[in-house]
Each structure stands twice: as C-alpha cells, then as structure tokens.
Protein backbone atom coordinates (compact mmCIF):
# COMPACT_ATOMS: atom_id res chain seq x y z
CA MET A 1 156.56 87.78 163.20
CA SER A 2 155.93 84.08 163.03
CA GLU A 3 158.25 81.07 162.24
CA VAL A 4 158.16 78.13 160.31
CA ARG A 5 160.61 75.60 160.93
CA ALA A 6 161.62 74.53 157.15
CA PHE A 7 164.31 72.03 155.43
CA ILE A 8 165.15 71.71 151.81
CA ALA A 9 164.70 68.61 150.48
CA ILE A 10 164.12 65.79 147.13
CA GLU A 11 160.70 64.09 147.36
CA LEU A 12 160.37 60.00 147.33
CA PRO A 13 158.91 58.20 144.68
CA GLU A 14 155.54 55.74 146.24
CA GLY A 15 158.00 52.52 144.71
CA VAL A 16 160.87 53.83 147.14
CA LYS A 17 158.74 54.45 149.63
CA PHE A 18 156.72 51.41 149.74
CA PHE A 19 160.31 49.88 149.53
CA LEU A 20 161.03 51.40 152.93
CA LYS A 21 158.14 51.10 154.28
CA GLU A 22 158.98 47.03 153.97
CA ILE A 23 162.51 47.91 155.53
CA VAL A 24 160.93 49.11 158.55
CA ALA A 25 158.16 46.66 159.12
CA GLU A 26 160.98 43.95 159.06
CA LEU A 27 162.97 45.63 161.08
CA LYS A 28 160.20 46.54 163.92
CA SER A 29 159.78 42.84 164.03
CA PHE A 30 163.10 42.69 166.11
CA GLY A 31 161.76 45.12 168.35
CA GLY A 32 164.32 47.92 169.77
CA ASP A 33 164.30 50.82 171.71
CA VAL A 34 163.04 52.41 168.06
CA ARG A 35 161.14 55.38 167.08
CA TRP A 36 160.69 54.44 163.51
CA THR A 37 159.97 57.28 160.76
CA ARG A 38 156.71 56.79 158.79
CA PRO A 39 157.47 56.28 155.29
CA GLU A 40 155.45 58.19 154.00
CA GLY A 41 157.22 61.39 155.44
CA ILE A 42 160.78 60.34 154.35
CA HIS A 43 162.25 62.02 151.90
CA LEU A 44 166.46 62.98 150.98
CA THR A 45 167.50 66.12 152.93
CA LEU A 46 169.46 68.69 151.13
CA LYS A 47 169.75 71.19 153.80
CA PHE A 48 167.79 71.85 157.20
CA LEU A 49 166.84 75.87 157.45
CA GLY A 50 165.49 74.93 161.13
CA ASN A 51 163.14 78.04 162.60
CA VAL A 52 162.64 80.71 159.63
CA GLN A 53 160.64 83.77 159.97
CA SER A 54 157.75 83.55 157.87
CA GLU A 55 158.55 86.78 155.93
CA THR A 56 161.68 85.22 154.97
CA ILE A 57 160.56 82.19 152.69
CA PRO A 58 159.82 84.66 149.58
CA THR A 59 163.29 85.79 149.74
CA ILE A 60 164.51 81.40 150.01
CA ARG A 61 162.15 81.06 147.31
CA LYS A 62 163.41 83.46 144.96
CA ILE A 63 167.13 82.54 145.39
CA LEU A 64 166.63 79.14 145.06
CA GLU A 65 164.48 79.05 142.16
CA PRO A 66 166.72 80.41 139.49
CA GLU A 67 169.63 78.32 140.68
CA LEU A 68 167.86 75.04 141.26
CA ALA A 69 166.24 75.65 137.65
CA LEU A 70 169.89 74.83 136.29
CA GLN A 71 170.30 71.50 138.39
CA GLN A 72 170.33 68.82 135.48
CA PRO A 73 167.87 65.78 137.05
CA PHE A 74 169.69 62.80 137.72
CA SER A 75 169.21 59.37 139.00
CA VAL A 76 169.34 58.17 142.11
CA ALA A 77 169.83 54.54 144.05
CA VAL A 78 168.59 53.05 147.23
CA ARG A 79 171.15 50.92 148.84
CA GLY A 80 172.59 49.54 152.24
CA LEU A 81 171.37 50.42 155.49
CA GLY A 82 173.42 51.30 159.14
CA ALA A 83 173.61 53.63 161.44
CA PHE A 84 174.58 56.79 162.71
CA PRO A 85 177.26 57.07 164.22
CA GLY A 86 177.58 53.11 164.55
CA LEU A 87 176.16 49.77 165.23
CA ASN A 88 177.63 50.18 168.70
CA ARG A 89 175.80 53.76 169.73
CA PRO A 90 173.65 54.03 167.26
CA ARG A 91 171.57 57.45 167.26
CA VAL A 92 169.85 57.31 163.83
CA LEU A 93 168.98 54.45 161.36
CA TRP A 94 169.31 55.00 157.73
CA VAL A 95 169.04 53.39 154.26
CA GLY A 96 171.58 54.72 151.86
CA VAL A 97 171.68 56.45 148.88
CA SER A 98 173.82 57.33 145.58
CA ALA A 99 173.93 59.55 142.85
CA ALA A 100 175.83 59.72 139.94
CA GLU A 101 179.08 61.47 140.77
CA GLY A 102 179.62 64.89 140.29
CA THR A 103 175.10 65.06 140.55
CA LEU A 104 174.14 65.26 144.89
CA ALA A 105 177.34 66.72 146.47
CA PRO A 106 177.84 69.48 144.36
CA LEU A 107 173.93 70.37 144.54
CA VAL A 108 173.62 70.31 148.13
CA ALA A 109 176.95 72.75 148.06
CA LYS A 110 174.76 74.95 145.99
CA VAL A 111 171.99 75.38 148.32
CA GLU A 112 174.42 75.08 151.41
CA GLU A 113 176.06 78.66 149.24
CA LEU A 114 173.08 79.79 148.92
CA MET A 115 171.63 80.06 151.93
CA GLU A 116 174.59 81.23 153.80
CA PRO A 117 174.08 84.90 153.03
CA LEU A 118 170.37 84.56 154.60
CA GLY A 119 171.78 83.56 157.76
CA PHE A 120 171.95 79.79 157.99
CA PRO A 121 174.92 78.56 158.77
CA LYS A 122 176.63 76.11 156.57
CA GLU A 123 176.99 72.60 157.67
CA THR A 124 180.57 71.68 159.09
CA ARG A 125 180.19 67.84 158.70
CA GLU A 126 180.47 66.32 155.72
CA PHE A 127 177.24 65.55 153.71
CA ASN A 128 176.55 61.98 153.90
CA PRO A 129 173.09 60.75 151.37
CA HIS A 130 170.63 59.33 153.72
CA LEU A 131 166.90 58.54 154.46
CA THR A 132 166.23 58.40 158.00
CA ILE A 133 164.17 55.06 158.70
CA GLY A 134 164.46 55.36 162.67
CA ARG A 135 165.94 57.33 165.45
CA VAL A 136 167.23 55.32 168.15
CA LYS A 137 165.82 55.94 172.32
CA SER A 138 168.16 54.95 173.95
CA GLY A 139 171.40 54.93 172.17
CA ARG A 140 171.02 51.24 172.43
CA LEU A 141 169.61 48.20 170.19
CA ASN A 142 169.35 44.89 171.27
CA ARG A 143 170.86 41.85 169.69
CA ASP A 144 168.61 40.93 167.41
CA LEU A 145 168.12 43.99 165.51
CA THR A 146 171.86 44.69 165.29
CA SER A 147 172.53 41.44 163.73
CA ALA A 148 169.31 42.02 161.19
CA ILE A 149 170.89 45.34 160.34
CA ARG A 150 174.17 43.74 159.42
CA GLN A 151 173.06 41.30 157.80
CA MET A 152 170.47 43.44 155.81
CA GLY A 153 173.25 46.06 155.28
CA PHE A 154 173.83 45.28 151.50
CA ILE A 155 170.00 45.50 150.53
CA SER A 156 169.62 47.22 147.18
CA GLY A 157 165.93 49.03 146.35
CA PRO A 158 164.71 51.43 143.46
CA GLY A 159 165.99 53.80 141.63
CA PHE A 160 164.71 56.75 140.66
CA GLU A 161 164.89 59.92 138.94
CA ALA A 162 165.58 63.63 140.97
CA THR A 163 163.57 65.73 139.35
CA SER A 164 163.31 68.88 141.47
CA ALA A 165 163.43 69.88 145.03
CA VAL A 166 161.19 71.12 147.39
CA LEU A 167 160.89 73.76 150.30
CA PHE A 168 159.09 71.75 153.20
CA GLN A 169 157.50 73.03 156.36
CA SER A 170 157.70 70.53 158.94
CA ILE A 171 155.06 70.83 161.68
CA LEU A 172 156.13 68.93 165.04
CA LYS A 173 153.08 66.39 166.34
CA PRO A 174 152.58 64.57 169.11
CA SER A 175 151.83 62.04 165.96
CA GLY A 176 154.75 62.42 164.24
CA ALA A 177 156.36 65.08 161.88
CA GLU A 178 154.05 66.72 158.96
CA TYR A 179 155.33 68.33 156.39
CA VAL A 180 153.85 70.68 153.71
CA PRO A 181 154.99 72.01 150.49
CA LEU A 182 155.85 75.59 150.56
CA ALA A 183 157.82 75.32 147.27
CA HIS A 184 158.50 73.24 144.19
CA PHE A 185 162.18 73.90 142.17
CA PRO A 186 161.95 71.72 139.42
CA PHE A 187 165.57 71.18 137.46
CA ARG A 188 165.15 71.95 134.51
CA GLY A 189 169.44 71.99 133.27
C-alpha cells in the first residue's frame, strides 16, 4: 500500500500570486530567519488530510464531488498581514483572506464533516483563513522585519472568485513542496 500526502484547497489566480510574490520580495529585504513560501505554491487550504492511502483517493473524490458541486462560487478578498501565534513568538507569516459571510466557514465545516467518516479527524482549532507566505525557523524575527509586518498589517490585495476546490498531493522536496492536483471540484451551486 502506498501513501500520498494530501490536502483540499482553493487555487489562487495569477494576479493574487503576483501580489503575494511582491509582498514576499519586500519582506525578504528585511532579512530574518524565515523560510519563504514560493508564491506559485500558495493556496487557501480548506482541509489538510496528511498521509492518505492511495486507494482511498477515489473514495475521497466520490464523496466530495457531489457535495462540492452544490457550493455557490463566492468572492474572496486578500487583506491583512500577520503571524501565528503572534509577532512576539511567530511561527507562520500569513496574508489574510476573507469571504462573504456564510460562504467560506460553512464550506470548511462541510469538508470536515465529509472527511471525518474516512478517518480524518475534525480540526479542533477554529478555522482562520490565511495564505502562508513564510515559516519562521527560529521563532524570532529581527526588529526590522517585525516593524515592516506591523506597518504593512493592513495591506489589501486583489480579490477573486472562488469557483472550485482541488484535492492536491504534496510532494516534499529539498527545494520545497511540489503540489500535484489529483481532482478538481467545480462549485456549480
């Protein structure tokens, strides 16, 4: 039995990836012990599945396809910049995401509900939609980078229409993760 590392996410359009590339380039200029995410690999994660038996992939597709087809497309805004759990002891640097009320959170809840019977436990943390742009290696940022994040905290980027979700395989490589789409789930509403 082989396994794949998998997750369910919304792909970002090129305009959003370009915006994130510019933000990352600006933040990189301040230095810091950060492993920056390649903008072409950034996505809006709905559910991280982890290691999945390859033979389970068709079942995941069969369960998600009809349910996600009922989802209406929705608008997503890209705004805000920050860190988890906070700038004092950051681990993850992010750009924020918001969607019209009643769209993104119920979608995530539905995906969680559908995946639980397959052995993927529901996430216990509250869903906090974000786009990961970097991971802090040491748990500390230099003063200049921290100051830049605070000053840029209210950035606003291009919005987009979320029209589908994707089941991705994540292949870990020394150069960074590579993401291979395994299935697309259009929102037909």
